[in-house]
Amino acid sequence: MAEFPEYMKHDIYIIGESYAGIYVPTLVREILKNETSVIKDQLKGMAIGDGCVGTDVLCGTPDGNSGPGPYYMLKFFGGHGQFSDKLYDEIMDTCPRDQLVGYNGLKVTDENCTKLI
């Protein structure tokens, strides 16, 4: 804020969507607990649209084996360019969707799919 003192009088709202359900609350918490924060008093609120609120809710799970399957993780990482469109398309064409989604304890058992993911 030292570089833009004209903004010191403005209210601050931190807003995001999707994975912001993880990083917006984390950022807000860090601002609020930092006693020396120059923007702490300006922070008036936060908003999250269609947010992922943790690995067990809609975002898949870290190990891909419990809860939802790797479908949401693949959609997220594929949509953010973490692997090629070619690989993403091959996974979606090869893997049975019900196994990727993985509800009701269904696991990825298709051998070709397992090799891809």
Foldseek 3Di string as FASTA:
>chain_A
DVVCVVCLPAADEAEEEAQVLPVVVVVLVVQCVDPPRSCNVRHDYYYYYNYDNDCQPQQDHPVLQPHFHQQNVLCVCVVVPVDDPVLSVVLVVPFDVCQRRQPPRRHGDPPVNVVSD
